[in-house]
PDB file of N, CA and C in Angstrom:
ATOM      1  N   MET A   1       6.091 -16.813   3.364  1.00  0.00           N
ATOM      2  CA  MET A   1       6.767 -15.221   3.634  1.00  0.00           C
ATOM      3  C   MET A   1       6.781 -14.894   2.051  1.00  0.00           C
ATOM      4  N   LEU A   2       6.092 -13.619   1.732  1.00  0.00           N
ATOM      5  CA  LEU A   2       6.452 -13.082   0.347  1.00  0.00           C
ATOM      6  C   LEU A   2       7.196 -11.833   0.538  1.00  0.00           C
ATOM      7  N   ILE A   3       8.017 -11.398  -0.287  1.00  0.00           N
ATOM      8  CA  ILE A   3       8.771 -10.396  -0.199  1.00  0.00           C
ATOM      9  C   ILE A   3       8.709  -9.549  -1.593  1.00  0.00           C
ATOM     10  N   ALA A   4       7.674  -8.626  -1.771  1.00  0.00           N
ATOM     11  CA  ALA A   4       7.555  -7.844  -3.014  1.00  0.00           C
ATOM     12  C   ALA A   4       8.202  -6.431  -3.326  1.00  0.00           C
ATOM     13  N   ARG A   5       8.802  -6.462  -4.624  1.00  0.00           N
ATOM     14  CA  ARG A   5       9.633  -5.163  -4.421  1.00  0.00           C
ATOM     15  C   ARG A   5       9.216  -4.080  -5.518  1.00  0.00           C
ATOM     16  N   ALA A   6       9.347  -2.827  -5.645  1.00  0.00           N
ATOM     17  CA  ALA A   6       8.561  -2.035  -7.095  1.00  0.00           C
ATOM     18  C   ALA A   6       9.632  -0.479  -6.887  1.00  0.00           C
ATOM     19  N   PRO A   7      10.070  -0.451  -8.392  1.00  0.00           N
ATOM     20  CA  PRO A   7      10.897   0.577  -8.377  1.00  0.00           C
ATOM     21  C   PRO A   7       9.882   1.959  -7.640  1.00  0.00           C
ATOM     22  N   VAL A   8      10.707   2.685  -7.254  1.00  0.00           N
ATOM     23  CA  VAL A   8      10.296   4.061  -6.865  1.00  0.00           C
ATOM     24  C   VAL A   8       9.992   4.733  -8.409  1.00  0.00           C
ATOM     25  N   ARG A   9       9.220   5.743  -8.191  1.00  0.00           N
ATOM     26  CA  ARG A   9       8.941   6.260  -9.590  1.00  0.00           C
ATOM     27  C   ARG A   9       8.858   7.898  -9.235  1.00  0.00           C
ATOM     28  N   ILE A  10       9.236   8.524  -9.825  1.00  0.00           N
ATOM     29  CA  ILE A  10       9.389  10.508  -9.017  1.00  0.00           C
ATOM     30  C   ILE A  10       8.709  10.817 -10.873  1.00  0.00           C
ATOM     31  N   SER A  11       7.639  11.734 -10.131  1.00  0.00           N
ATOM     32  CA  SER A  11       6.700  12.366 -11.083  1.00  0.00           C
ATOM     33  C   SER A  11       7.472  13.821 -11.271  1.00  0.00           C
ATOM     34  N   PHE A  12       7.743  14.027 -12.722  1.00  0.00           N
ATOM     35  CA  PHE A  12       8.222  15.460 -12.917  1.00  0.00           C
ATOM     36  C   PHE A  12       7.224  16.563 -13.546  1.00  0.00           C
ATOM     37  N   GLY A  13       5.618  15.839 -13.873  1.00  0.00           N
ATOM     38  CA  GLY A  13       4.778  16.626 -14.050  1.00  0.00           C
ATOM     39  C   GLY A  13       3.512  15.801 -14.235  1.00  0.00           C
ATOM     40  N   GLY A  14       2.437  16.103 -13.828  1.00  0.00           N
ATOM     41  CA  GLY A  14       1.102  15.450 -14.029  1.00  0.00           C
ATOM     42  C   GLY A  14       0.525  14.175 -13.234  1.00  0.00           C
ATOM     43  N   GLY A  15       1.465  14.003 -11.803  1.00  0.00           N
ATOM     44  CA  GLY A  15       1.361  13.123 -11.267  1.00  0.00           C
ATOM     45  C   GLY A  15       0.106  13.162 -11.149  1.00  0.00           C
ATOM     46  N   GLY A  16      -1.022  11.906 -10.493  1.00  0.00           N
ATOM     47  CA  GLY A  16      -1.942  11.516 -10.379  1.00  0.00           C
ATOM     48  C   GLY A  16      -2.450  11.564 -11.071  1.00  0.00           C
ATOM     49  N   THR A  17      -2.461  11.942 -12.375  1.00  0.00           N
ATOM     50  CA  THR A  17      -3.637  12.250 -13.659  1.00  0.00           C
ATOM     51  C   THR A  17      -3.337  10.571 -14.217  1.00  0.00           C
ATOM     52  N   ASP A  18      -2.682   9.841 -13.733  1.00  0.00           N
ATOM     53  CA  ASP A  18      -2.501   8.591 -14.557  1.00  0.00           C
ATOM     54  C   ASP A  18      -3.385   7.598 -13.636  1.00  0.00           C
ATOM     55  N   LEU A  19      -4.395   8.106 -12.625  1.00  0.00           N
ATOM     56  CA  LEU A  19      -4.989   7.108 -12.042  1.00  0.00           C
ATOM     57  C   LEU A  19      -6.115   6.768 -12.931  1.00  0.00           C
ATOM     58  N   GLU A  20      -6.634   6.106 -12.861  1.00  0.00           N
ATOM     59  CA  GLU A  20      -7.919   5.388 -14.035  1.00  0.00           C
ATOM     60  C   GLU A  20      -9.330   6.511 -13.351  1.00  0.00           C
ATOM     61  N   ALA A  21      -9.355   6.688 -11.899  1.00  0.00           N
ATOM     62  CA  ALA A  21     -10.494   7.218 -11.404  1.00  0.00           C
ATOM     63  C   ALA A  21     -10.668   8.692 -12.028  1.00  0.00           C
ATOM     64  N   TYR A  22      -8.949   9.328 -12.336  1.00  0.00           N
ATOM     65  CA  TYR A  22      -8.904  10.684 -12.956  1.00  0.00           C
ATOM     66  C   TYR A  22      -9.204  10.983 -14.108  1.00  0.00           C
ATOM     67  N   TYR A  23      -8.248   9.901 -14.480  1.00  0.00           N
ATOM     68  CA  TYR A  23      -8.241  10.321 -16.262  1.00  0.00           C
ATOM     69  C   TYR A  23      -9.457   9.648 -17.202  1.00  0.00           C
ATOM     70  N   SER A  24     -10.089   8.810 -16.704  1.00  0.00           N
ATOM     71  CA  SER A  24     -11.608   8.435 -17.245  1.00  0.00           C
ATOM     72  C   SER A  24     -12.258   9.536 -17.206  1.00  0.00           C
ATOM     73  N   ARG A  25     -12.123  10.294 -16.416  1.00  0.00           N
ATOM     74  CA  ARG A  25     -13.257  11.562 -16.460  1.00  0.00           C
ATOM     75  C   ARG A  25     -12.547  12.804 -17.109  1.00  0.00           C
ATOM     76  N   PHE A  26     -11.304  13.014 -16.960  1.00  0.00           N
ATOM     77  CA  PHE A  26     -10.571  14.153 -17.438  1.00  0.00           C
ATOM     78  C   PHE A  26      -9.376  14.266 -18.055  1.00  0.00           C
ATOM     79  N   GLY A  27      -9.035  13.127 -18.602  1.00  0.00           N
ATOM     80  CA  GLY A  27      -7.914  12.784 -19.365  1.00  0.00           C
ATOM     81  C   GLY A  27      -6.959  13.025 -18.317  1.00  0.00           C
ATOM     82  N   GLY A  28      -5.478  13.017 -19.159  1.00  0.00           N
ATOM     83  CA  GLY A  28      -4.196  12.956 -17.923  1.00  0.00           C
ATOM     84  C   GLY A  28      -2.884  12.715 -18.913  1.00  0.00           C
ATOM     85  N   MET A  29      -1.917  13.207 -18.500  1.00  0.00           N
ATOM     86  CA  MET A  29      -0.746  12.925 -18.928  1.00  0.00           C
ATOM     87  C   MET A  29       0.538  13.149 -18.020  1.00  0.00           C
ATOM     88  N   VAL A  30       1.239  12.280 -17.928  1.00  0.00           N
ATOM     89  CA  VAL A  30       2.550  12.047 -16.868  1.00  0.00           C
ATOM     90  C   VAL A  30       3.460  12.037 -17.415  1.00  0.00           C
ATOM     91  N   VAL A  31       4.992  13.198 -17.047  1.00  0.00           N
ATOM     92  CA  VAL A  31       5.694  12.540 -17.189  1.00  0.00           C
ATOM     93  C   VAL A  31       6.749  12.145 -15.955  1.00  0.00           C
ATOM     94  N   SER A  32       6.931  10.996 -16.484  1.00  0.00           N
ATOM     95  CA  SER A  32       8.100  10.315 -14.516  1.00  0.00           C
ATOM     96  C   SER A  32       9.049   9.251 -15.109  1.00  0.00           C
ATOM     97  N   ALA A  33       9.725   8.636 -14.141  1.00  0.00           N
ATOM     98  CA  ALA A  33      10.564   8.239 -14.630  1.00  0.00           C
ATOM     99  C   ALA A  33      11.027   7.123 -13.165  1.00  0.00           C
ATOM    100  N   ALA A  34      11.494   6.089 -13.568  1.00  0.00           N
ATOM    101  CA  ALA A  34      11.659   5.283 -12.029  1.00  0.00           C
ATOM    102  C   ALA A  34      13.254   5.167 -12.176  1.00  0.00           C
ATOM    103  N   ILE A  35      13.682   5.069 -10.519  1.00  0.00           N
ATOM    104  CA  ILE A  35      14.867   5.479 -10.356  1.00  0.00           C
ATOM    105  C   ILE A  35      15.304   3.971  -9.378  1.00  0.00           C
ATOM    106  N   ASP A  36      16.624   4.039  -9.454  1.00  0.00           N
ATOM    107  CA  ASP A  36      17.203   2.719  -8.843  1.00  0.00           C
ATOM    108  C   ASP A  36      16.958   2.715  -7.348  1.00  0.00           C
ATOM    109  N   ARG A  37      16.170   2.912  -6.843  1.00  0.00           N
ATOM    110  CA  ARG A  37      15.553   3.339  -5.375  1.00  0.00           C
ATOM    111  C   ARG A  37      14.203   2.115  -5.279  1.00  0.00           C
ATOM    112  N   TYR A  38      13.731   1.579  -4.586  1.00  0.00           N
ATOM    113  CA  TYR A  38      12.923   0.670  -4.351  1.00  0.00           C
ATOM    114  C   TYR A  38      11.746   0.670  -3.223  1.00  0.00           C
ATOM    115  N   ALA A  39      10.791   0.188  -3.068  1.00  0.00           N
ATOM    116  CA  ALA A  39       9.845   0.144  -1.883  1.00  0.00           C
ATOM    117  C   ALA A  39       9.664  -1.466  -2.210  1.00  0.00           C
ATOM    118  N   TYR A  40       9.587  -1.917  -0.292  1.00  0.00           N
ATOM    119  CA  TYR A  40       9.660  -3.031  -0.166  1.00  0.00           C
ATOM    120  C   TYR A  40       8.200  -3.411   0.852  1.00  0.00           C
ATOM    121  N   THR A  41       7.416  -4.342   0.626  1.00  0.00           N
ATOM    122  CA  THR A  41       6.743  -4.918   1.427  1.00  0.00           C
ATOM    123  C   THR A  41       6.888  -6.461   1.997  1.00  0.00           C
ATOM    124  N   MET A  42       6.809  -6.459   2.954  1.00  0.00           N
ATOM    125  CA  MET A  42       6.819  -8.355   3.372  1.00  0.00           C
ATOM    126  C   MET A  42       5.423  -8.496   3.833  1.00  0.00           C
ATOM    127  N   LEU A  43       5.031  -9.597   2.950  1.00  0.00           N
ATOM    128  CA  LEU A  43       3.692 -10.511   3.653  1.00  0.00           C
ATOM    129  C   LEU A  43       3.859 -11.414   4.102  1.00  0.00           C
ATOM    130  N   SER A  44       3.348 -11.835   5.773  1.00  0.00           N
ATOM    131  CA  SER A  44       3.473 -13.250   6.215  1.00  0.00           C
ATOM    132  C   SER A  44       1.924 -13.389   6.673  1.00  0.00           C
ATOM    133  N   PRO A  45       2.028 -15.032   6.994  1.00  0.00           N
ATOM    134  CA  PRO A  45       0.835 -15.455   7.673  1.00  0.00           C
ATOM    135  C   PRO A  45       0.799 -14.642   9.253  1.00  0.00           C
ATOM    136  N   GLY A  46      -0.431 -14.492   9.595  1.00  0.00           N
ATOM    137  CA  GLY A  46       0.216 -14.052  11.521  1.00  0.00           C
ATOM    138  C   GLY A  46      -0.928 -14.032  11.930  1.00  0.00           C
ATOM    139  N   ASN A  47      -1.456 -13.735  13.040  1.00  0.00           N
ATOM    140  CA  ASN A  47      -2.489 -14.272  13.985  1.00  0.00           C
ATOM    141  C   ASN A  47      -3.996 -14.292  13.006  1.00  0.00           C
ATOM    142  N   HIS A  48      -4.796 -15.346  13.374  1.00  0.00           N
ATOM    143  CA  HIS A  48      -5.726 -15.478  12.286  1.00  0.00           C
ATOM    144  C   HIS A  48      -6.840 -14.863  12.887  1.00  0.00           C
ATOM    145  N   ASN A  49      -6.894 -14.054  13.850  1.00  0.00           N
ATOM    146  CA  ASN A  49      -7.849 -13.003  14.479  1.00  0.00           C
ATOM    147  C   ASN A  49      -7.636 -11.363  13.606  1.00  0.00           C
ATOM    148  N   SER A  50      -6.527 -11.315  13.384  1.00  0.00           N
ATOM    149  CA  SER A  50      -6.274  -9.905  13.172  1.00  0.00           C
ATOM    150  C   SER A  50      -5.365  -9.605  11.816  1.00  0.00           C
ATOM    151  N   LEU A  51      -5.542  -8.458  11.288  1.00  0.00           N
ATOM    152  CA  LEU A  51      -4.422  -7.770  10.207  1.00  0.00           C
ATOM    153  C   LEU A  51      -3.587  -7.109  11.088  1.00  0.00           C
ATOM    154  N   GLU A  52      -2.082  -7.256  10.639  1.00  0.00           N
ATOM    155  CA  GLU A  52      -1.268  -6.251  11.499  1.00  0.00           C
ATOM    156  C   GLU A  52      -0.234  -5.582  10.115  1.00  0.00           C
ATOM    157  N   ILE A  53      -0.314  -4.463  10.245  1.00  0.00           N
ATOM    158  CA  ILE A  53       0.388  -3.504   9.452  1.00  0.00           C
ATOM    159  C   ILE A  53       1.218  -2.950  10.323  1.00  0.00           C
ATOM    160  N   HIS A  54       2.569  -3.118   9.861  1.00  0.00           N
ATOM    161  CA  HIS A  54       3.871  -2.580  10.472  1.00  0.00           C
ATOM    162  C   HIS A  54       4.907  -1.323   9.456  1.00  0.00           C
ATOM    163  N   SER A  55       5.207  -0.181   9.443  1.00  0.00           N
ATOM    164  CA  SER A  55       5.895   0.459   8.864  1.00  0.00           C
ATOM    165  C   SER A  55       7.094   1.329   9.651  1.00  0.00           C
ATOM    166  N   ALA A  56       8.041   0.892   8.760  1.00  0.00           N
ATOM    167  CA  ALA A  56       9.518   1.213   9.376  1.00  0.00           C
ATOM    168  C   ALA A  56       9.393   2.729   8.764  1.00  0.00           C
ATOM    169  N   ASP A  57       8.927   3.164   7.581  1.00  0.00           N
ATOM    170  CA  ASP A  57       9.107   4.505   7.268  1.00  0.00           C
ATOM    171  C   ASP A  57       8.128   5.674   8.503  1.00  0.00           C
ATOM    172  N   TYR A  58       7.263   5.639   9.019  1.00  0.00           N
ATOM    173  CA  TYR A  58       6.628   6.232   9.970  1.00  0.00           C
ATOM    174  C   TYR A  58       6.783   5.805  11.247  1.00  0.00           C
ATOM    175  N   SER A  59       7.171   4.360  11.314  1.00  0.00           N
ATOM    176  CA  SER A  59       7.325   4.352  12.539  1.00  0.00           C
ATOM    177  C   SER A  59       6.247   3.822  13.504  1.00  0.00           C
ATOM    178  N   THR A  60       5.050   3.396  12.848  1.00  0.00           N
ATOM    179  CA  THR A  60       3.578   2.927  13.221  1.00  0.00           C
ATOM    180  C   THR A  60       3.484   1.699  13.296  1.00  0.00           C
ATOM    181  N   PHE A  61       2.444   1.158  13.938  1.00  0.00           N
ATOM    182  CA  PHE A  61       2.092  -0.044  13.860  1.00  0.00           C
ATOM    183  C   PHE A  61       0.294  -0.121  14.118  1.00  0.00           C
ATOM    184  N   TYR A  62       0.019  -0.818  13.274  1.00  0.00           N
ATOM    185  CA  TYR A  62      -1.464  -0.860  13.265  1.00  0.00           C
ATOM    186  C   TYR A  62      -2.285  -2.374  13.548  1.00  0.00           C
ATOM    187  N   ARG A  63      -2.967  -2.611  14.229  1.00  0.00           N
ATOM    188  CA  ARG A  63      -3.565  -3.980  14.526  1.00  0.00           C
ATOM    189  C   ARG A  63      -5.126  -3.711  14.401  1.00  0.00           C
ATOM    190  N   GLN A  64      -5.770  -4.464  13.650  1.00  0.00           N
ATOM    191  CA  GLN A  64      -7.636  -4.499  13.654  1.00  0.00           C
ATOM    192  C   GLN A  64      -8.134  -6.029  14.025  1.00  0.00           C
ATOM    193  N   PRO A  65      -8.736  -6.138  14.229  1.00  0.00           N
ATOM    194  CA  PRO A  65      -9.877  -7.371  14.356  1.00  0.00           C
ATOM    195  C   PRO A  65     -10.130  -7.668  12.568  1.00  0.00           C
ATOM    196  N   ILE A  66     -10.030  -8.976  12.036  1.00  0.00           N
ATOM    197  CA  ILE A  66     -10.355  -8.919  10.975  1.00  0.00           C
ATOM    198  C   ILE A  66     -11.586  -9.015  10.406  1.00  0.00           C
ATOM    199  N   TYR A  67     -12.939  -9.023  11.536  1.00  0.00           N
ATOM    200  CA  TYR A  67     -14.332  -8.941  11.469  1.00  0.00           C
ATOM    201  C   TYR A  67     -14.624  -7.273  11.245  1.00  0.00           C
ATOM    202  N   GLU A  68     -13.528  -6.301  11.273  1.00  0.00           N
ATOM    203  CA  GLU A  68     -14.297  -5.155  11.550  1.00  0.00           C
ATOM    204  C   GLU A  68     -13.541  -4.600   9.962  1.00  0.00           C
ATOM    205  N   ASP A  69     -14.283  -3.569   9.631  1.00  0.00           N
ATOM    206  CA  ASP A  69     -14.000  -3.226   8.313  1.00  0.00           C
ATOM    207  C   ASP A  69     -12.714  -2.066   8.611  1.00  0.00           C
ATOM    208  N   LEU A  70     -11.999  -2.059   7.573  1.00  0.00           N
ATOM    209  CA  LEU A  70     -10.536  -1.124   7.476  1.00  0.00           C
ATOM    210  C   LEU A  70     -10.860   0.683   7.408  1.00  0.00           C
ATOM    211  N   LEU A  71     -10.401   1.489   8.211  1.00  0.00           N
ATOM    212  CA  LEU A  71     -10.346   2.662   7.990  1.00  0.00           C
ATOM    213  C   LEU A  71      -9.231   3.230   7.232  1.00  0.00           C
ATOM    214  N   TRP A  72      -9.831   3.475   6.541  1.00  0.00           N
ATOM    215  CA  TRP A  72      -8.424   4.325   5.415  1.00  0.00           C
ATOM    216  C   TRP A  72      -8.021   5.446   6.123  1.00  0.00           C
ATOM    217  N   ASP A  73      -7.307   5.597   6.811  1.00  0.00           N
ATOM    218  CA  ASP A  73      -6.682   7.086   7.253  1.00  0.00           C
ATOM    219  C   ASP A  73      -5.338   6.808   7.499  1.00  0.00           C
ATOM    220  N   GLY A  74      -4.912   8.205   7.782  1.00  0.00           N
ATOM    221  CA  GLY A  74      -3.630   7.976   8.285  1.00  0.00           C
ATOM    222  C   GLY A  74      -2.273   7.613   7.621  1.00  0.00           C
ATOM    223  N   ASP A  75      -1.017   7.485   8.497  1.00  0.00           N
ATOM    224  CA  ASP A  75       0.057   6.966   7.175  1.00  0.00           C
ATOM    225  C   ASP A  75      -0.449   5.857   6.378  1.00  0.00           C
ATOM    226  N   LEU A  76      -0.750   4.767   6.876  1.00  0.00           N
ATOM    227  CA  LEU A  76      -1.227   3.379   6.503  1.00  0.00           C
ATOM    228  C   LEU A  76      -2.640   3.244   5.392  1.00  0.00           C
ATOM    229  N   ALA A  77      -2.841   4.504   4.738  1.00  0.00           N
ATOM    230  CA  ALA A  77      -4.260   4.135   3.974  1.00  0.00           C
ATOM    231  C   ALA A  77      -3.633   3.536   2.708  1.00  0.00           C
ATOM    232  N   LEU A  78      -2.672   3.799   2.178  1.00  0.00           N
ATOM    233  CA  LEU A  78      -2.034   2.717   0.980  1.00  0.00           C
ATOM    234  C   LEU A  78      -1.935   0.891   1.921  1.00  0.00           C
ATOM    235  N   PRO A  79      -1.031   0.856   2.201  1.00  0.00           N
ATOM    236  CA  PRO A  79      -1.316  -0.841   2.744  1.00  0.00           C
ATOM    237  C   PRO A  79      -2.579  -1.243   3.064  1.00  0.00           C
ATOM    238  N   LYS A  80      -3.440  -0.440   3.804  1.00  0.00           N
ATOM    239  CA  LYS A  80      -4.578  -0.764   4.090  1.00  0.00           C
ATOM    240  C   LYS A  80      -5.574  -0.893   2.893  1.00  0.00           C
ATOM    241  N   ALA A  81      -5.544   0.055   1.911  1.00  0.00           N
ATOM    242  CA  ALA A  81      -6.181  -0.311   0.504  1.00  0.00           C
ATOM    243  C   ALA A  81      -6.121  -1.300   0.046  1.00  0.00           C
ATOM    244  N   ILE A  82      -4.857  -1.560  -0.491  1.00  0.00           N
ATOM    245  CA  ILE A  82      -4.274  -2.693  -0.624  1.00  0.00           C
ATOM    246  C   ILE A  82      -4.790  -4.274  -0.439  1.00  0.00           C
ATOM    247  N   ILE A  83      -5.017  -4.256   1.022  1.00  0.00           N
ATOM    248  CA  ILE A  83      -5.258  -5.663   1.907  1.00  0.00           C
ATOM    249  C   ILE A  83      -6.878  -5.424   1.206  1.00  0.00           C
ATOM    250  N   HIS A  84      -7.779  -4.284   1.234  1.00  0.00           N
ATOM    251  CA  HIS A  84      -9.243  -4.223   0.942  1.00  0.00           C
ATOM    252  C   HIS A  84      -9.373  -4.459  -0.243  1.00  0.00           C
ATOM    253  N   HIS A  85      -8.571  -4.287  -1.464  1.00  0.00           N
ATOM    254  CA  HIS A  85      -8.295  -4.787  -2.654  1.00  0.00           C
ATOM    255  C   HIS A  85      -8.453  -5.980  -2.716  1.00  0.00           C
ATOM    256  N   PHE A  86      -7.136  -6.776  -2.551  1.00  0.00           N
ATOM    257  CA  PHE A  86      -7.259  -7.950  -2.767  1.00  0.00           C
ATOM    258  C   PHE A  86      -7.803  -9.102  -1.759  1.00  0.00           C
ATOM    259  N   GLY A  87      -8.898  -8.307  -1.008  1.00  0.00           N
ATOM    260  CA  GLY A  87      -9.838  -8.745  -0.223  1.00  0.00           C
ATOM    261  C   GLY A  87      -9.408  -9.945   0.956  1.00  0.00           C
ATOM    262  N   LEU A  88      -8.640  -9.502   1.750  1.00  0.00           N
ATOM    263  CA  LEU A  88      -7.856 -10.593   2.584  1.00  0.00           C
ATOM    264  C   LEU A  88      -8.324 -10.454   3.788  1.00  0.00           C
ATOM    265  N   LYS A  89      -8.833 -11.673   4.289  1.00  0.00           N
ATOM    266  CA  LYS A  89      -9.642 -11.690   5.114  1.00  0.00           C
ATOM    267  C   LYS A  89      -9.258 -12.671   6.354  1.00  0.00           C
ATOM    268  N   VAL A  90      -7.997 -13.007   6.024  1.00  0.00           N
ATOM    269  CA  VAL A  90      -7.337 -13.914   7.284  1.00  0.00           C
ATOM    270  C   VAL A  90      -6.089 -13.572   7.724  1.00  0.00           C
ATOM    271  N   GLY A  91      -5.489 -13.577   8.967  1.00  0.00           N
ATOM    272  CA  GLY A  91      -4.902 -13.257   9.634  1.00  0.00           C
ATOM    273  C   GLY A  91      -3.155 -12.788   8.783  1.00  0.00           C
ATOM    274  N   LEU A  92      -2.723 -11.690   8.491  1.00  0.00           N
ATOM    275  CA  LEU A  92      -1.544 -11.567   7.997  1.00  0.00           C
ATOM    276  C   LEU A  92      -1.105 -10.272   8.815  1.00  0.00           C
ATOM    277  N   ASN A  93       0.080 -10.247   8.647  1.00  0.00           N
ATOM    278  CA  ASN A  93       1.001  -9.488   8.946  1.00  0.00           C
ATOM    279  C   ASN A  93       1.650  -8.381   7.550  1.00  0.00           C
ATOM    280  N   ALA A  94       1.534  -7.458   7.527  1.00  0.00           N
ATOM    281  CA  ALA A  94       2.103  -6.683   6.277  1.00  0.00           C
ATOM    282  C   ALA A  94       2.997  -5.694   6.939  1.00  0.00           C
ATOM    283  N   ILE A  95       4.440  -5.710   6.208  1.00  0.00           N
ATOM    284  CA  ILE A  95       5.224  -4.511   6.781  1.00  0.00           C
ATOM    285  C   ILE A  95       5.965  -3.932   5.535  1.00  0.00           C
ATOM    286  N   PRO A  96       5.578  -2.571   5.153  1.00  0.00           N
ATOM    287  CA  PRO A  96       6.183  -1.792   4.367  1.00  0.00           C
ATOM    288  C   PRO A  96       7.238  -1.392   4.911  1.00  0.00           C
ATOM    289  N   PHE A  97       8.026  -1.283   3.860  1.00  0.00           N
ATOM    290  CA  PHE A  97       9.618  -0.861   4.222  1.00  0.00           C
ATOM    291  C   PHE A  97      10.395  -0.547   3.075  1.00  0.00           C
ATOM    292  N   GLY A  98      11.534   0.288   3.134  1.00  0.00           N
ATOM    293  CA  GLY A  98      12.722   0.496   2.010  1.00  0.00           C
ATOM    294  C   GLY A  98      12.624   1.722   1.728  1.00  0.00           C
TER     295      GLY A  98
END
């Protein structure tokens, strides 16, 4: 099992212009600060035939067979994008919370 923790960032201005897809075309400037609150994700081996994402924040559960492409929609688009980015193809349980 792997538990990751990242500080929450509050953007006071320019939020989103620090994403490479945006600033490489238009430039960008952000004024933000990290606060003493954190976002957590727990990853654990799961059913080898599916990926599962549980979200305490949205009271949502998502399960998909590993041979199907992820649909990047709804409240769980960010965890799905992360799973896709790292090319995870084996059974996995992802639980974002915090």
